[in-house]
Structure formats: structure tokens, C-alpha cells
Amino acid sequence: MALNREIVLIHGTWCDGNVWGEFASGLHQMGYKVHTPSFRYHDLPYQDCLAKVGTVTLQNYRDDLVDLIESLDQPPLVLGHSLGCLVAQMVAEKTEVAGMILMGPAPTADIFAFYPTMLACFGKHFLRWGFWKKAMPPYKKEFFKYCMNEQEESLKEEVFAT
């Protein structure tokens, strides 16, 4: 049996496929054919993304990835990060994958995740009327404190600008 050399990297919230950077390059150097798709509309300029992404469902993200995976020569490994873990599991329910790697999964519905830090990071989003059909852009202070707390200030600014 040949070693599987296809891998699909699924990003998390507030990212796009470019977030994988050196990680994807390292996998490529190891001989993997690396796919780093962006969720629908996440690769658009910020304001365009903001205007469109609130209309998209997790099932849309899943379906886009299923289409990608089914276009490959063989079932790939699927690696998800954060929200990408949930989407990876949804993908694996719909199409064959060689395996999954789930890094820092977002909590599922049956996991209690209402902690003070989660409320501090995401709470403002749920105070907006109609939040369930709006984009969820990062708030800078919270993004820097809870998502990029170990990064250099210049990198925080660079990432936030995207």
C-alpha cells in the first residue's frame, strides 16, 4: 500500500488558507502535496468578506471541502485547527479521508465552554441583534489578548490587518 501524500489543512476562525505559512512549507518539504483552501469568502478583501461571510453556513464550508477532496487522486489526510476541526469532522462524515488530525478543536455542543475567557473574547458578538446571520469579525483588543497573546506586536498588527 502506498503512503498517502495528500494533506488538506483546514484553518480556523478569523483566518484563511494562507495562515499555514511555514507549517505548510514544512509538510511540502517532507514530500506531502499540501492543500490550504480558504473557507468561502475568507480570501476576499476584508470588507468584502465581512459583507458576505454572514450568509454562509458550516455546511457550505463542508460542501466546498468535500468537493475539493473528491477531486483529489486519493483520500487525503485532513488536518483541522480550531473551527477547522469541527469542519474536518463534518467532511469525514460525507466523504472518505485517509485520517484526521485535530489541533485545538473548537468545543462541540456537548462540551461546556462558557468560561470567562471565552465570554471576554466572543461575548461582544452575541450582544449584536441578528448576530446569527452576521459576520463575526475579530475585535482587536480581544484578538491580541486571547488569540495572539504570545506573538510579537508587529506580527499581531500584520495578521490583524488581514
N, C-alpha and C. Protein backbone atom coordinates (compact mmCIF):
# COMPACT_ATOMS: atom_id res chain seq x y z
N MET A 1 0.84 -1.18 0.00
CA MET A 1 0.00 0.00 0.00
C MET A 1 0.89 1.24 0.00
N ALA A 2 0.63 2.16 -0.89
CA ALA A 2 1.42 3.38 -0.99
C ALA A 2 1.11 4.34 0.16
N LEU A 3 2.12 5.04 0.59
CA LEU A 3 1.95 6.03 1.64
C LEU A 3 1.15 7.21 1.10
N ASN A 4 0.16 7.64 1.86
CA ASN A 4 -0.66 8.77 1.45
C ASN A 4 0.16 10.04 1.56
N ARG A 5 0.19 10.80 0.49
CA ARG A 5 0.98 12.03 0.47
C ARG A 5 0.13 13.26 0.17
N GLU A 6 -1.19 13.16 0.28
CA GLU A 6 -2.07 14.32 0.12
C GLU A 6 -2.51 14.74 1.52
N ILE A 7 -2.50 16.06 1.79
CA ILE A 7 -2.99 16.55 3.07
C ILE A 7 -3.73 17.87 2.84
N VAL A 8 -4.89 17.99 3.46
CA VAL A 8 -5.70 19.20 3.38
C VAL A 8 -5.68 19.85 4.76
N LEU A 9 -5.24 21.10 4.80
CA LEU A 9 -5.17 21.86 6.05
C LEU A 9 -6.36 22.81 6.12
N ILE A 10 -7.16 22.68 7.17
CA ILE A 10 -8.38 23.47 7.31
C ILE A 10 -8.19 24.47 8.45
N HIS A 11 -8.22 25.74 8.11
CA HIS A 11 -7.97 26.80 9.09
C HIS A 11 -9.15 27.01 10.02
N GLY A 12 -8.94 27.84 11.03
CA GLY A 12 -9.97 28.16 11.99
C GLY A 12 -10.57 29.54 11.76
N THR A 13 -11.29 30.00 12.76
CA THR A 13 -11.94 31.30 12.75
C THR A 13 -10.91 32.41 12.56
N TRP A 14 -11.31 33.44 11.82
CA TRP A 14 -10.52 34.65 11.60
C TRP A 14 -9.24 34.39 10.82
N CYS A 15 -9.23 33.35 10.01
CA CYS A 15 -8.05 33.02 9.20
C CYS A 15 -8.48 32.73 7.77
N ASP A 16 -7.50 32.47 6.94
CA ASP A 16 -7.73 31.92 5.62
C ASP A 16 -6.62 30.90 5.36
N GLY A 17 -6.61 30.32 4.19
CA GLY A 17 -5.64 29.27 3.89
C GLY A 17 -4.19 29.71 3.96
N ASN A 18 -3.94 31.00 3.91
CA ASN A 18 -2.57 31.50 4.00
C ASN A 18 -1.98 31.39 5.39
N VAL A 19 -2.80 31.16 6.39
CA VAL A 19 -2.32 31.12 7.77
C VAL A 19 -1.31 29.99 8.00
N TRP A 20 -1.32 28.99 7.16
CA TRP A 20 -0.47 27.82 7.38
C TRP A 20 1.00 28.08 7.10
N GLY A 21 1.32 29.04 6.26
CA GLY A 21 2.69 29.50 6.02
C GLY A 21 3.78 28.45 6.12
N GLU A 22 4.68 28.62 7.09
CA GLU A 22 5.84 27.74 7.25
C GLU A 22 5.43 26.30 7.59
N PHE A 23 4.31 26.14 8.25
CA PHE A 23 3.82 24.80 8.57
C PHE A 23 3.54 24.02 7.29
N ALA A 24 2.83 24.67 6.36
CA ALA A 24 2.54 24.03 5.07
C ALA A 24 3.83 23.80 4.29
N SER A 25 4.73 24.75 4.31
CA SER A 25 6.01 24.60 3.62
C SER A 25 6.79 23.41 4.16
N GLY A 26 6.78 23.25 5.48
CA GLY A 26 7.46 22.12 6.10
C GLY A 26 6.88 20.79 5.67
N LEU A 27 5.57 20.70 5.60
CA LEU A 27 4.93 19.47 5.14
C LEU A 27 5.27 19.20 3.67
N HIS A 28 5.32 20.26 2.89
CA HIS A 28 5.69 20.11 1.48
C HIS A 28 7.13 19.58 1.36
N GLN A 29 8.02 20.10 2.17
CA GLN A 29 9.41 19.64 2.16
C GLN A 29 9.53 18.17 2.59
N MET A 30 8.57 17.71 3.36
CA MET A 30 8.55 16.31 3.79
C MET A 30 7.95 15.40 2.72
N GLY A 31 7.51 15.98 1.60
CA GLY A 31 7.01 15.18 0.49
C GLY A 31 5.50 15.16 0.35
N TYR A 32 4.79 15.96 1.13
CA TYR A 32 3.33 15.99 1.03
C TYR A 32 2.89 16.98 -0.04
N LYS A 33 1.80 16.63 -0.72
CA LYS A 33 1.11 17.58 -1.59
C LYS A 33 0.11 18.28 -0.68
N VAL A 34 0.36 19.54 -0.39
CA VAL A 34 -0.38 20.28 0.63
C VAL A 34 -1.44 21.16 -0.01
N HIS A 35 -2.66 21.07 0.50
CA HIS A 35 -3.78 21.90 0.04
C HIS A 35 -4.20 22.78 1.22
N THR A 36 -4.25 24.08 0.99
CA THR A 36 -4.61 25.03 2.05
C THR A 36 -5.78 25.90 1.59
N PRO A 37 -6.95 25.31 1.42
CA PRO A 37 -8.10 26.10 0.96
C PRO A 37 -8.55 27.10 2.02
N SER A 38 -9.21 28.12 1.56
CA SER A 38 -9.84 29.09 2.45
C SER A 38 -11.33 28.81 2.49
N PHE A 39 -11.95 29.01 3.66
CA PHE A 39 -13.40 28.93 3.71
C PHE A 39 -13.98 29.95 2.73
N ARG A 40 -15.17 29.66 2.26
CA ARG A 40 -15.84 30.52 1.29
C ARG A 40 -15.82 31.99 1.76
N TYR A 41 -15.37 32.85 0.88
CA TYR A 41 -15.27 34.31 1.06
C TYR A 41 -14.13 34.75 1.97
N HIS A 42 -13.46 33.84 2.67
CA HIS A 42 -12.40 34.24 3.59
C HIS A 42 -11.14 34.74 2.89
N ASP A 43 -11.04 34.52 1.59
CA ASP A 43 -9.87 35.00 0.87
C ASP A 43 -10.13 36.33 0.17
N LEU A 44 -11.29 36.90 0.39
CA LEU A 44 -11.64 38.21 -0.19
C LEU A 44 -11.02 39.33 0.65
N PRO A 45 -10.91 40.53 0.09
CA PRO A 45 -10.51 41.67 0.91
C PRO A 45 -11.45 41.78 2.12
N TYR A 46 -10.93 42.31 3.21
CA TYR A 46 -11.63 42.31 4.49
C TYR A 46 -13.07 42.79 4.41
N GLN A 47 -13.32 43.96 3.84
CA GLN A 47 -14.68 44.50 3.81
C GLN A 47 -15.62 43.63 2.96
N ASP A 48 -15.11 43.06 1.87
CA ASP A 48 -15.92 42.17 1.04
C ASP A 48 -16.26 40.89 1.80
N CYS A 49 -15.28 40.36 2.50
CA CYS A 49 -15.51 39.17 3.33
C CYS A 49 -16.57 39.47 4.38
N LEU A 50 -16.41 40.59 5.06
CA LEU A 50 -17.34 40.98 6.12
C LEU A 50 -18.77 41.07 5.61
N ALA A 51 -18.93 41.56 4.38
CA ALA A 51 -20.26 41.73 3.81
C ALA A 51 -20.91 40.41 3.41
N LYS A 52 -20.11 39.39 3.11
CA LYS A 52 -20.65 38.14 2.57
C LYS A 52 -20.64 36.96 3.53
N VAL A 53 -19.71 36.91 4.44
CA VAL A 53 -19.49 35.69 5.20
C VAL A 53 -20.64 35.36 6.17
N GLY A 54 -21.42 36.34 6.55
CA GLY A 54 -22.54 36.10 7.44
C GLY A 54 -23.65 35.26 6.83
N THR A 55 -23.62 35.11 5.50
CA THR A 55 -24.65 34.34 4.81
C THR A 55 -24.27 32.87 4.61
N VAL A 56 -23.07 32.50 5.04
CA VAL A 56 -22.54 31.17 4.78
C VAL A 56 -22.71 30.29 6.02
N THR A 57 -22.96 29.01 5.79
CA THR A 57 -23.13 28.06 6.89
C THR A 57 -21.93 27.12 6.99
N LEU A 58 -21.85 26.44 8.11
CA LEU A 58 -20.81 25.41 8.25
C LEU A 58 -20.98 24.32 7.20
N GLN A 59 -22.21 24.04 6.83
CA GLN A 59 -22.46 23.04 5.80
C GLN A 59 -21.90 23.50 4.45
N ASN A 60 -21.95 24.81 4.17
CA ASN A 60 -21.34 25.33 2.95
C ASN A 60 -19.83 25.09 2.96
N TYR A 61 -19.19 25.38 4.09
CA TYR A 61 -17.75 25.13 4.21
C TYR A 61 -17.45 23.65 4.00
N ARG A 62 -18.25 22.80 4.64
CA ARG A 62 -18.09 21.35 4.49
C ARG A 62 -18.21 20.94 3.03
N ASP A 63 -19.26 21.40 2.37
CA ASP A 63 -19.51 21.00 0.99
C ASP A 63 -18.37 21.46 0.06
N ASP A 64 -17.86 22.66 0.28
CA ASP A 64 -16.73 23.14 -0.53
C ASP A 64 -15.52 22.23 -0.35
N LEU A 65 -15.26 21.82 0.87
CA LEU A 65 -14.12 20.94 1.13
C LEU A 65 -14.34 19.53 0.61
N VAL A 66 -15.55 19.04 0.70
CA VAL A 66 -15.87 17.72 0.13
C VAL A 66 -15.60 17.75 -1.37
N ASP A 67 -16.02 18.81 -2.04
CA ASP A 67 -15.75 18.94 -3.49
C ASP A 67 -14.26 18.91 -3.77
N LEU A 68 -13.48 19.63 -2.98
CA LEU A 68 -12.02 19.62 -3.16
C LEU A 68 -11.46 18.22 -2.96
N ILE A 69 -11.83 17.58 -1.87
CA ILE A 69 -11.29 16.26 -1.53
C ILE A 69 -11.66 15.23 -2.59
N GLU A 70 -12.88 15.30 -3.08
CA GLU A 70 -13.30 14.33 -4.10
C GLU A 70 -12.64 14.58 -5.45
N SER A 71 -12.01 15.72 -5.62
CA SER A 71 -11.28 16.00 -6.86
C SER A 71 -9.83 15.48 -6.81
N LEU A 72 -9.38 15.06 -5.65
CA LEU A 72 -8.01 14.59 -5.50
C LEU A 72 -7.86 13.14 -5.98
N ASP A 73 -6.62 12.73 -6.22
CA ASP A 73 -6.35 11.38 -6.72
C ASP A 73 -6.58 10.30 -5.66
N GLN A 74 -6.48 10.66 -4.41
CA GLN A 74 -6.67 9.70 -3.33
C GLN A 74 -7.24 10.43 -2.11
N PRO A 75 -7.87 9.70 -1.21
CA PRO A 75 -8.36 10.34 0.01
C PRO A 75 -7.18 10.93 0.79
N PRO A 76 -7.26 12.18 1.20
CA PRO A 76 -6.15 12.81 1.88
C PRO A 76 -6.23 12.67 3.40
N LEU A 77 -5.12 12.96 4.05
CA LEU A 77 -5.16 13.27 5.46
C LEU A 77 -5.83 14.63 5.56
N VAL A 78 -6.58 14.85 6.61
CA VAL A 78 -7.24 16.14 6.83
C VAL A 78 -6.80 16.63 8.19
N LEU A 79 -6.25 17.85 8.22
CA LEU A 79 -5.81 18.44 9.47
C LEU A 79 -6.60 19.72 9.69
N GLY A 80 -7.27 19.80 10.82
CA GLY A 80 -8.06 20.99 11.13
C GLY A 80 -7.54 21.66 12.38
N HIS A 81 -7.69 22.98 12.42
CA HIS A 81 -7.33 23.74 13.62
C HIS A 81 -8.56 24.53 14.07
N SER A 82 -8.85 24.46 15.36
CA SER A 82 -9.94 25.21 15.97
C SER A 82 -11.26 24.91 15.26
N LEU A 83 -11.92 25.91 14.69
CA LEU A 83 -13.15 25.67 13.95
C LEU A 83 -12.93 24.66 12.83
N GLY A 84 -11.72 24.67 12.26
CA GLY A 84 -11.38 23.71 11.20
C GLY A 84 -11.50 22.27 11.64
N CYS A 85 -11.37 22.01 12.94
CA CYS A 85 -11.54 20.64 13.46
C CYS A 85 -13.00 20.19 13.31
N LEU A 86 -13.91 21.07 13.66
CA LEU A 86 -15.33 20.74 13.52
C LEU A 86 -15.67 20.50 12.06
N VAL A 87 -15.19 21.38 11.18
CA VAL A 87 -15.47 21.23 9.76
C VAL A 87 -14.83 19.95 9.22
N ALA A 88 -13.62 19.63 9.68
CA ALA A 88 -12.95 18.39 9.25
C ALA A 88 -13.80 17.16 9.60
N GLN A 89 -14.38 17.16 10.79
CA GLN A 89 -15.22 16.03 11.20
C GLN A 89 -16.49 15.97 10.34
N MET A 90 -17.03 17.12 10.02
CA MET A 90 -18.21 17.15 9.14
C MET A 90 -17.87 16.62 7.76
N VAL A 91 -16.67 16.96 7.27
CA VAL A 91 -16.20 16.48 5.97
C VAL A 91 -16.08 14.95 6.00
N ALA A 92 -15.49 14.42 7.06
CA ALA A 92 -15.25 12.98 7.17
C ALA A 92 -16.56 12.19 7.24
N GLU A 93 -17.65 12.84 7.62
CA GLU A 93 -18.95 12.17 7.60
C GLU A 93 -19.51 12.05 6.18
N LYS A 94 -19.01 12.87 5.26
CA LYS A 94 -19.57 12.94 3.91
C LYS A 94 -18.70 12.30 2.84
N THR A 95 -17.39 12.17 3.08
CA THR A 95 -16.51 11.62 2.06
C THR A 95 -15.35 10.89 2.73
N GLU A 96 -14.68 10.06 1.97
CA GLU A 96 -13.58 9.27 2.51
C GLU A 96 -12.35 10.13 2.72
N VAL A 97 -11.74 10.00 3.89
CA VAL A 97 -10.46 10.64 4.18
C VAL A 97 -9.53 9.55 4.71
N ALA A 98 -8.22 9.77 4.54
CA ALA A 98 -7.24 8.78 5.00
C ALA A 98 -7.07 8.83 6.51
N GLY A 99 -7.35 9.96 7.10
CA GLY A 99 -7.23 10.14 8.53
C GLY A 99 -7.42 11.60 8.88
N MET A 100 -7.56 11.86 10.18
CA MET A 100 -7.75 13.25 10.63
C MET A 100 -6.78 13.56 11.74
N ILE A 101 -6.33 14.80 11.74
CA ILE A 101 -5.54 15.35 12.83
C ILE A 101 -6.30 16.60 13.27
N LEU A 102 -6.67 16.66 14.55
CA LEU A 102 -7.47 17.77 15.06
C LEU A 102 -6.64 18.52 16.10
N MET A 103 -6.25 19.74 15.76
CA MET A 103 -5.39 20.56 16.62
C MET A 103 -6.20 21.68 17.27
N GLY A 104 -6.34 21.63 18.57
CA GLY A 104 -7.06 22.68 19.29
C GLY A 104 -8.50 22.80 18.85
N PRO A 105 -9.26 21.71 18.94
CA PRO A 105 -10.62 21.76 18.41
C PRO A 105 -11.52 22.75 19.14
N ALA A 106 -12.40 23.37 18.38
CA ALA A 106 -13.45 24.20 18.96
C ALA A 106 -14.39 23.27 19.72
N PRO A 107 -14.95 23.72 20.82
CA PRO A 107 -15.83 22.84 21.59
C PRO A 107 -17.11 22.50 20.84
N THR A 108 -17.51 21.25 20.94
CA THR A 108 -18.76 20.81 20.34
C THR A 108 -19.92 21.20 21.25
N ALA A 109 -21.13 20.99 20.78
CA ALA A 109 -22.32 21.41 21.52
C ALA A 109 -22.42 20.75 22.90
N ASP A 110 -21.86 19.56 23.06
CA ASP A 110 -21.99 18.85 24.33
C ASP A 110 -20.87 19.17 25.32
N ILE A 111 -19.98 20.09 24.96
CA ILE A 111 -18.88 20.46 25.85
C ILE A 111 -19.15 21.85 26.42
N PHE A 112 -19.11 21.95 27.73
CA PHE A 112 -19.32 23.24 28.37
C PHE A 112 -18.12 24.14 28.06
N ALA A 113 -18.38 25.27 27.42
CA ALA A 113 -17.29 26.17 27.02
C ALA A 113 -17.56 27.61 27.43
N PHE A 114 -18.47 27.80 28.34
CA PHE A 114 -18.85 29.15 28.76
C PHE A 114 -17.95 29.60 29.90
N TYR A 115 -16.68 29.78 29.57
CA TYR A 115 -15.69 30.21 30.54
C TYR A 115 -15.48 31.71 30.43
N PRO A 116 -14.97 32.35 31.48
CA PRO A 116 -14.77 33.81 31.43
C PRO A 116 -13.93 34.26 30.23
N THR A 117 -12.89 33.52 29.87
CA THR A 117 -12.07 33.93 28.74
C THR A 117 -12.83 33.82 27.42
N MET A 118 -13.67 32.81 27.28
CA MET A 118 -14.49 32.69 26.06
C MET A 118 -15.49 33.84 25.98
N LEU A 119 -16.08 34.18 27.11
CA LEU A 119 -17.03 35.29 27.14
C LEU A 119 -16.31 36.60 26.81
N ALA A 120 -15.12 36.79 27.36
CA ALA A 120 -14.35 38.01 27.09
C ALA A 120 -13.97 38.12 25.62
N CYS A 121 -13.62 37.01 25.00
CA CYS A 121 -13.18 37.02 23.61
C CYS A 121 -14.34 37.15 22.62
N PHE A 122 -15.43 36.46 22.88
CA PHE A 122 -16.51 36.38 21.90
C PHE A 122 -17.81 37.07 22.33
N GLY A 123 -17.92 37.48 23.57
CA GLY A 123 -19.17 38.00 24.11
C GLY A 123 -19.78 39.14 23.33
N LYS A 124 -18.96 40.08 22.87
CA LYS A 124 -19.48 41.25 22.14
C LYS A 124 -20.27 40.84 20.90
N HIS A 125 -19.88 39.74 20.29
CA HIS A 125 -20.56 39.30 19.08
C HIS A 125 -22.02 38.93 19.34
N PHE A 126 -22.25 38.35 20.50
CA PHE A 126 -23.59 37.85 20.81
C PHE A 126 -24.51 38.93 21.37
N LEU A 127 -23.98 40.12 21.55
CA LEU A 127 -24.80 41.24 22.00
C LEU A 127 -25.36 42.04 20.83
N ARG A 128 -24.97 41.69 19.62
CA ARG A 128 -25.46 42.39 18.42
C ARG A 128 -26.75 41.72 17.94
N TRP A 129 -27.79 42.51 17.72
CA TRP A 129 -29.04 41.95 17.21
C TRP A 129 -28.78 41.29 15.86
N GLY A 130 -29.29 40.10 15.68
CA GLY A 130 -29.12 39.37 14.43
C GLY A 130 -27.74 38.76 14.28
N PHE A 131 -27.03 38.57 15.40
CA PHE A 131 -25.66 38.05 15.34
C PHE A 131 -25.57 36.73 14.58
N TRP A 132 -26.62 35.95 14.59
CA TRP A 132 -26.61 34.63 13.96
C TRP A 132 -26.54 34.69 12.44
N LYS A 133 -26.73 35.86 11.86
CA LYS A 133 -26.63 35.98 10.40
C LYS A 133 -25.66 37.10 10.00
N LYS A 134 -24.73 37.39 10.89
CA LYS A 134 -23.72 38.40 10.62
C LYS A 134 -22.34 37.78 10.71
N ALA A 135 -21.40 38.41 10.02
CA ALA A 135 -20.01 38.01 10.16
C ALA A 135 -19.57 38.25 11.60
N MET A 136 -18.56 37.54 12.01
CA MET A 136 -18.05 37.66 13.37
C MET A 136 -16.60 38.16 13.31
N PRO A 137 -16.40 39.45 13.00
CA PRO A 137 -15.04 39.95 12.87
C PRO A 137 -14.34 39.99 14.23
N PRO A 138 -13.02 39.88 14.22
CA PRO A 138 -12.31 39.94 15.49
C PRO A 138 -12.27 41.38 16.03
N TYR A 139 -12.41 41.52 17.32
CA TYR A 139 -12.19 42.80 17.98
C TYR A 139 -10.71 42.82 18.37
N LYS A 140 -10.03 43.90 18.00
CA LYS A 140 -8.57 43.95 18.08
C LYS A 140 -8.03 43.63 19.49
N LYS A 141 -8.53 44.29 20.49
CA LYS A 141 -8.02 44.08 21.86
C LYS A 141 -8.15 42.61 22.26
N GLU A 142 -9.31 42.04 22.03
CA GLU A 142 -9.56 40.64 22.41
C GLU A 142 -8.74 39.69 21.54
N PHE A 143 -8.63 39.98 20.25
CA PHE A 143 -7.85 39.14 19.34
C PHE A 143 -6.39 39.09 19.78
N PHE A 144 -5.83 40.24 20.11
CA PHE A 144 -4.44 40.28 20.55
C PHE A 144 -4.26 39.55 21.89
N LYS A 145 -5.20 39.72 22.80
CA LYS A 145 -5.06 39.14 24.14
C LYS A 145 -5.33 37.64 24.18
N TYR A 146 -6.34 37.18 23.46
CA TYR A 146 -6.75 35.78 23.60
C TYR A 146 -6.32 34.88 22.45
N CYS A 147 -5.98 35.45 21.31
CA CYS A 147 -5.61 34.62 20.15
C CYS A 147 -4.14 34.73 19.79
N MET A 148 -3.55 35.89 20.02
CA MET A 148 -2.16 36.10 19.61
C MET A 148 -1.30 36.57 20.77
N ASN A 149 -1.66 36.18 21.96
CA ASN A 149 -1.00 36.68 23.16
C ASN A 149 0.49 36.38 23.25
N GLU A 150 0.98 35.41 22.53
CA GLU A 150 2.40 35.04 22.59
C GLU A 150 3.19 35.53 21.37
N GLN A 151 2.57 36.34 20.53
CA GLN A 151 3.21 36.80 19.29
C GLN A 151 3.80 38.19 19.46
N GLU A 152 4.77 38.49 18.60
CA GLU A 152 5.36 39.83 18.57
C GLU A 152 4.31 40.84 18.13
N GLU A 153 4.42 42.07 18.64
CA GLU A 153 3.45 43.12 18.33
C GLU A 153 3.34 43.36 16.82
N SER A 154 4.47 43.37 16.12
CA SER A 154 4.44 43.62 14.67
C SER A 154 3.69 42.52 13.93
N LEU A 155 3.84 41.27 14.37
CA LEU A 155 3.11 40.17 13.74
C LEU A 155 1.62 40.28 14.04
N LYS A 156 1.28 40.64 15.27
CA LYS A 156 -0.13 40.83 15.61
C LYS A 156 -0.78 41.83 14.66
N GLU A 157 -0.11 42.97 14.46
CA GLU A 157 -0.64 44.01 13.59
C GLU A 157 -0.77 43.52 12.15
N GLU A 158 0.24 42.79 11.69
CA GLU A 158 0.23 42.26 10.30
C GLU A 158 -0.93 41.31 10.10
N VAL A 159 -1.12 40.40 11.04
CA VAL A 159 -2.19 39.40 10.94
C VAL A 159 -3.56 40.08 11.06
N PHE A 160 -3.70 40.99 12.00
CA PHE A 160 -4.97 41.66 12.21
C PHE A 160 -5.38 42.46 10.97
N ALA A 161 -4.42 43.02 10.27
CA ALA A 161 -4.71 43.81 9.07
C ALA A 161 -5.36 42.99 7.97
N THR A 162 -5.21 41.67 8.02
CA THR A 162 -5.81 40.80 7.01
C THR A 162 -7.17 40.31 7.45
